[in-house]
């Protein structure tokens, strides 16, 4: 097995991995990821005990115990580029020996749950409700740079999406990846389920117009109207496709649950989304430790 070079796997002088600054002992097998670094404390305040608090750039990590279960909470920042960093480095911490730079002979599978905020793309999804992502729809292009050793894409759904939206040839080819059945069964009961679209930006890529016109002004309508079998696209955000794609490729269980803080069709925005996020945090912690 080949040793990974210094420029490919960057290790800090203290032995931690480059961006997230974690060592194996810092990381629990269950990881909650959030975009906002301030939301880490919103979750860890419920812990019975906090073992580690680590911060580097936007990556804040708290590891501790809730109802006797060890959990890590980690902020990723915004976007699939940051998810690329976080997922690869989380995997490296548990599956690569950071001293020898060799992949371990026995690989570990993490449970990684994203708690996020999102905008609904269907009129019947109310603000302050919770959506769990059955699939991640990647409009970002990140997974096109990887060559998974096993099938991870839902090709039938992907091709139907391309067909129904008349997807532009000059755009990154989309991809659809399924979330974890295991985590869906544990955490998804009673929540709204659907495909979550992941964009590479907040404005134009999600159909928002400020001072620059859109290249595909009808794209959001086509995304909203997509239907195939029992599937529809419920919401728009900026991380899930990368989380699901890299998670599936690396052998980790991943699931996204989003608090709907806006409805793009009704133009409504939550009057108090922080209270709604708090309810989501409590719900997920209880279900994780039930």
Protein backbone atom coordinates (compact mmCIF):
# COMPACT_ATOMS: atom_id res chain seq x y z
CA UNK A 1 0.00 0.00 0.00
CA UNK A 2 1.38 3.40 -1.02
CA UNK A 3 2.37 6.05 1.50
CA UNK A 4 0.41 9.31 1.01
CA UNK A 5 2.70 12.25 0.24
CA UNK A 6 3.26 15.29 2.46
CA UNK A 7 1.62 17.66 -0.04
CA UNK A 8 -1.51 15.47 -0.35
CA UNK A 9 -2.16 14.79 3.35
CA UNK A 10 -1.07 17.83 5.32
CA UNK A 11 -0.45 17.24 9.02
CA UNK A 12 0.02 20.05 11.56
CA UNK A 13 3.09 20.07 13.87
CA UNK A 14 0.93 18.79 16.73
CA UNK A 15 -0.09 15.73 14.69
CA UNK A 16 -3.61 16.92 13.85
CA UNK A 17 -5.03 17.07 10.32
CA UNK A 18 -4.59 20.38 8.50
CA UNK A 19 -7.92 22.27 8.31
CA UNK A 20 -10.14 20.84 11.03
CA UNK A 21 -7.18 20.30 13.42
CA UNK A 22 -8.46 16.99 14.80
CA UNK A 23 -6.68 13.85 15.98
CA UNK A 24 -8.40 10.45 16.28
CA UNK A 25 -9.05 10.87 20.01
CA UNK A 26 -10.97 14.09 19.37
CA UNK A 27 -13.60 12.43 17.19
CA UNK A 28 -16.72 10.45 18.13
CA UNK A 29 -18.27 7.84 15.82
CA UNK A 30 -21.41 10.01 15.59
CA UNK A 31 -20.81 13.46 14.08
CA UNK A 32 -23.31 16.31 13.75
CA UNK A 33 -22.22 18.88 11.16
CA UNK A 34 -23.62 22.40 10.95
CA UNK A 35 -22.76 25.30 8.67
CA UNK A 36 -22.74 28.08 11.26
CA UNK A 37 -19.85 27.89 13.74
CA UNK A 38 -22.03 29.53 16.44
CA UNK A 39 -24.52 26.65 16.16
CA UNK A 40 -21.93 24.23 17.56
CA UNK A 41 -22.41 25.76 21.01
CA UNK A 42 -26.19 25.72 20.51
CA UNK A 43 -25.93 21.93 20.35
CA UNK A 44 -23.13 21.22 22.83
CA UNK A 45 -24.88 23.26 25.55
CA UNK A 46 -27.13 20.20 25.94
CA UNK A 47 -24.18 17.87 26.52
CA UNK A 48 -23.71 16.38 29.97
CA UNK A 49 -19.96 16.70 29.52
CA UNK A 50 -17.67 18.31 26.93
CA UNK A 51 -14.29 16.62 26.41
CA UNK A 52 -12.76 18.73 23.65
CA UNK A 53 -13.28 22.20 22.21
CA UNK A 54 -11.15 22.95 19.15
CA UNK A 55 -11.29 25.78 16.61
CA UNK A 56 -9.36 26.53 13.44
CA UNK A 57 -10.75 29.08 10.98
CA UNK A 58 -14.50 28.37 10.53
CA UNK A 59 -14.10 24.78 11.73
CA UNK A 60 -15.28 24.58 15.35
CA UNK A 61 -15.44 21.17 17.04
CA UNK A 62 -16.99 20.17 20.36
CA UNK A 63 -16.92 16.51 21.44
CA UNK A 64 -18.80 15.32 24.47
CA UNK A 65 -21.61 13.18 25.85
CA UNK A 66 -25.37 13.43 25.64
CA UNK A 67 -27.37 10.76 27.48
CA UNK A 68 -24.15 8.70 27.73
CA UNK A 69 -23.62 8.78 23.93
CA UNK A 70 -20.39 10.32 22.65
CA UNK A 71 -21.08 12.88 19.93
CA UNK A 72 -18.92 15.31 17.95
CA UNK A 73 -20.39 18.57 16.66
CA UNK A 74 -18.42 20.27 13.89
CA UNK A 75 -19.06 23.43 11.88
CA UNK A 76 -18.28 23.16 8.18
CA UNK A 77 -18.89 26.69 6.92
CA UNK A 78 -20.95 27.20 3.77
CA UNK A 79 -20.77 25.28 0.51
CA UNK A 80 -19.73 22.02 -1.10
CA UNK A 81 -16.09 23.15 -1.24
CA UNK A 82 -16.02 23.19 2.57
CA UNK A 83 -17.82 19.83 2.72
CA UNK A 84 -15.07 18.46 0.47
CA UNK A 85 -12.50 19.51 3.08
CA UNK A 86 -14.47 18.30 6.09
CA UNK A 87 -15.54 14.89 4.74
CA UNK A 88 -12.10 14.01 3.42
CA UNK A 89 -10.42 15.09 6.65
CA UNK A 90 -12.95 13.35 8.92
CA UNK A 91 -12.35 10.17 6.95
CA UNK A 92 -8.59 10.63 7.12
CA UNK A 93 -8.68 11.02 10.90
CA UNK A 94 -10.36 7.63 11.35
CA UNK A 95 -9.12 5.66 8.32
CA UNK A 96 -5.57 6.86 7.69
CA UNK A 97 -2.72 6.49 10.16
CA UNK A 98 -1.62 10.11 10.43
CA UNK A 99 1.89 9.10 11.54
CA UNK A 100 2.70 6.54 8.86
CA UNK A 101 0.44 8.18 6.19
CA UNK A 102 -0.90 4.75 5.28
CA UNK A 103 -4.54 3.75 4.88
CA UNK A 104 -5.56 1.51 7.80
CA UNK A 105 -6.31 -2.15 6.97
CA UNK A 106 -9.68 -1.97 8.77
CA UNK A 107 -11.90 0.98 7.87
CA UNK A 108 -14.36 2.72 10.18
CA UNK A 109 -17.77 4.03 9.16
CA UNK A 110 -18.96 7.25 10.79
CA UNK A 111 -22.57 8.41 11.22
CA UNK A 112 -22.63 12.01 9.95
CA UNK A 113 -25.81 14.06 10.32
CA UNK A 114 -26.14 17.55 8.90
CA UNK A 115 -28.49 19.93 10.69
CA UNK A 116 -29.09 22.88 8.40
CA UNK A 117 -31.42 25.64 7.29
CA UNK A 118 -33.01 25.68 3.87
CA UNK A 119 -35.59 27.21 1.54
CA UNK A 120 -38.63 25.17 0.47
CA UNK A 121 -39.40 24.69 -3.21
CA UNK A 122 -42.95 23.38 -2.77
CA UNK A 123 -45.97 25.46 -1.76
CA UNK A 124 -47.24 22.87 0.72
CA UNK A 125 -44.05 22.86 2.86
CA UNK A 126 -44.58 25.41 5.64
CA UNK A 127 -41.93 27.68 7.11
CA UNK A 128 -40.48 26.27 10.38
CA UNK A 129 -41.13 22.66 9.34
CA UNK A 130 -38.39 20.02 9.10
CA UNK A 131 -37.35 18.29 5.86
CA UNK A 132 -35.20 15.15 5.79
CA UNK A 133 -33.32 14.55 2.54
CA UNK A 134 -33.98 11.17 0.93
CA UNK A 135 -31.48 12.15 -1.79
CA UNK A 136 -29.02 14.92 -2.52
CA UNK A 137 -29.25 16.48 -6.00
CA UNK A 138 -25.86 17.91 -6.91
CA UNK A 139 -25.95 20.98 -9.14
CA UNK A 140 -22.48 21.93 -7.88
CA UNK A 141 -20.22 19.60 -9.88
CA UNK A 142 -18.00 18.50 -6.98
CA UNK A 143 -18.47 14.75 -7.40
CA UNK A 144 -17.58 15.03 -11.09
CA UNK A 145 -13.96 15.36 -9.96
CA UNK A 146 -14.02 11.95 -8.22
CA UNK A 147 -14.10 8.39 -9.55
CA UNK A 148 -15.98 6.31 -6.97
CA UNK A 149 -14.90 2.65 -6.82
CA UNK A 150 -18.52 1.59 -6.31
CA UNK A 151 -21.85 2.78 -7.76
CA UNK A 152 -23.19 5.70 -5.71
CA UNK A 153 -25.31 7.66 -8.20
CA UNK A 154 -29.00 7.08 -8.87
CA UNK A 155 -28.63 7.18 -12.64
CA UNK A 156 -32.33 6.70 -13.37
CA UNK A 157 -33.35 9.68 -11.24
CA UNK A 158 -30.46 11.77 -12.56
CA UNK A 159 -31.28 11.17 -16.22
CA UNK A 160 -34.96 11.90 -15.60
CA UNK A 161 -34.01 15.18 -13.91
CA UNK A 162 -31.81 16.18 -16.86
CA UNK A 163 -34.62 15.35 -19.25
CA UNK A 164 -37.41 17.17 -17.38
CA UNK A 165 -35.36 20.32 -16.80
CA UNK A 166 -33.74 20.43 -20.27
CA UNK A 167 -30.47 20.83 -18.40
CA UNK A 168 -28.06 23.20 -20.12
CA UNK A 169 -25.04 21.56 -21.79
CA UNK A 170 -22.79 24.35 -20.50
CA UNK A 171 -23.70 23.62 -16.86
CA UNK A 172 -22.02 21.05 -14.63
CA UNK A 173 -23.64 17.65 -15.07
CA UNK A 174 -25.98 17.03 -12.11
CA UNK A 175 -25.94 13.88 -10.00
CA UNK A 176 -28.27 12.35 -7.41
CA UNK A 177 -27.11 10.32 -4.40
CA UNK A 178 -29.27 8.54 -1.82
CA UNK A 179 -28.92 9.22 1.90
CA UNK A 180 -28.42 6.58 4.59
CA UNK A 181 -31.32 4.18 5.11
CA UNK A 182 -30.00 3.45 8.59
CA UNK A 183 -30.05 7.10 9.67
CA UNK A 184 -33.36 7.74 7.90
CA UNK A 185 -34.98 4.97 9.93
CA UNK A 186 -33.53 6.34 13.17
CA UNK A 187 -34.12 10.06 12.63
CA UNK A 188 -36.66 10.60 9.84
CA UNK A 189 -39.96 9.42 11.31
CA UNK A 190 -42.79 11.92 10.82
CA UNK A 191 -40.63 14.45 8.95
CA UNK A 192 -41.26 15.74 5.42
CA UNK A 193 -39.14 13.69 2.99
CA UNK A 194 -37.83 14.68 -0.42
CA UNK A 195 -34.89 15.34 -2.69
CA UNK A 196 -32.72 18.26 -1.57
CA UNK A 197 -31.12 20.29 -4.37
CA UNK A 198 -27.60 21.54 -3.64
CA UNK A 199 -26.43 24.68 -5.42
CA UNK A 200 -22.91 26.05 -5.85
CA UNK A 201 -23.98 29.51 -4.66
CA UNK A 202 -26.74 31.41 -2.86
CA UNK A 203 -27.84 33.91 -5.49
CA UNK A 204 -27.75 33.04 -9.20
CA UNK A 205 -27.34 29.27 -8.70
CA UNK A 206 -30.52 29.30 -6.60
CA UNK A 207 -32.42 31.56 -9.01
CA UNK A 208 -32.10 34.82 -7.04
CA UNK A 209 -31.74 38.04 -9.05
CA UNK A 210 -30.14 41.17 -7.65
CA UNK A 211 -28.18 43.05 -10.36
CA UNK A 212 -27.15 40.21 -12.68
CA UNK A 213 -29.65 38.50 -14.98
CA UNK A 214 -29.94 34.70 -14.89
CA UNK A 215 -28.69 32.54 -17.76
CA UNK A 216 -31.58 30.12 -17.18
CA UNK A 217 -34.45 32.17 -15.68
CA UNK A 218 -36.94 29.27 -15.89
CA UNK A 219 -34.68 26.74 -14.16
CA UNK A 220 -36.20 27.09 -10.69
CA UNK A 221 -39.69 26.48 -12.08
CA UNK A 222 -38.47 23.31 -13.77
CA UNK A 223 -36.77 22.14 -10.58
CA UNK A 224 -39.93 22.83 -8.56
CA UNK A 225 -42.14 20.97 -11.06
CA UNK A 226 -39.88 17.88 -11.26
CA UNK A 227 -41.76 14.71 -10.40
CA UNK A 228 -40.75 11.10 -10.98
CA UNK A 229 -42.50 8.15 -9.36
CA UNK A 230 -42.89 9.23 -5.70
CA UNK A 231 -40.02 11.71 -5.83
CA UNK A 232 -40.07 15.50 -5.86
CA UNK A 233 -37.53 18.19 -5.00
CA UNK A 234 -38.46 19.74 -1.67
CA UNK A 235 -35.76 22.29 -0.88
CA UNK A 236 -32.62 24.15 -1.93
CA UNK A 237 -29.38 24.48 0.05
CA UNK A 238 -25.60 24.29 -0.43
CA UNK A 239 -24.10 21.16 1.19
CA UNK A 240 -26.12 17.93 0.98
CA UNK A 241 -25.07 16.51 -2.40
CA UNK A 242 -21.40 16.67 -1.43
CA UNK A 243 -22.13 15.18 1.99
CA UNK A 244 -24.05 12.26 0.47
CA UNK A 245 -21.68 11.74 -2.45
CA UNK A 246 -18.44 11.78 -0.49
CA UNK A 247 -20.04 9.90 2.39
CA UNK A 248 -21.21 7.10 0.11
CA UNK A 249 -17.85 6.97 -1.68
CA UNK A 250 -15.89 6.77 1.58
CA UNK A 251 -18.28 4.35 3.30
CA UNK A 252 -19.92 6.65 5.86
CA UNK A 253 -23.61 6.99 6.76
CA UNK A 254 -24.92 10.48 6.00
CA UNK A 255 -28.24 12.26 6.42
CA UNK A 256 -29.41 15.88 6.21
CA UNK A 257 -32.30 17.37 8.15
CA UNK A 258 -33.12 21.01 7.44
CA UNK A 259 -35.25 23.56 9.21
CA UNK A 260 -37.28 25.35 6.51
CA UNK A 261 -36.71 29.03 7.21
CA UNK A 262 -38.12 30.32 3.90
CA UNK A 263 -40.58 29.27 1.22
CA UNK A 264 -39.38 30.38 -2.22
CA UNK A 265 -42.86 30.14 -3.80
CA UNK A 266 -44.87 32.02 -1.17
CA UNK A 267 -41.92 34.38 -0.50
CA UNK A 268 -42.35 33.78 3.24
CA UNK A 269 -39.48 33.92 5.71
CA UNK A 270 -39.51 32.58 9.27
CA UNK A 271 -40.31 35.15 11.94
CA UNK A 272 -38.19 33.30 14.52
CA UNK A 273 -36.11 30.57 12.87
CA UNK A 274 -33.72 30.32 15.84
CA UNK A 275 -36.52 28.87 17.98
CA UNK A 276 -37.32 26.41 15.22
CA UNK A 277 -33.65 25.38 14.89
CA UNK A 278 -33.57 24.84 18.66
CA UNK A 279 -36.50 22.41 18.39
CA UNK A 280 -34.72 20.56 15.58
CA UNK A 281 -31.56 20.22 17.69
CA UNK A 282 -33.51 18.78 20.62
CA UNK A 283 -35.41 16.38 18.36
CA UNK A 284 -32.26 14.99 16.73
CA UNK A 285 -30.35 14.63 20.01
CA UNK A 286 -33.23 12.69 21.55
CA UNK A 287 -33.61 10.42 18.52
CA UNK A 288 -29.86 9.79 18.29
CA UNK A 289 -29.78 8.57 21.90
CA UNK A 290 -33.16 6.86 22.10
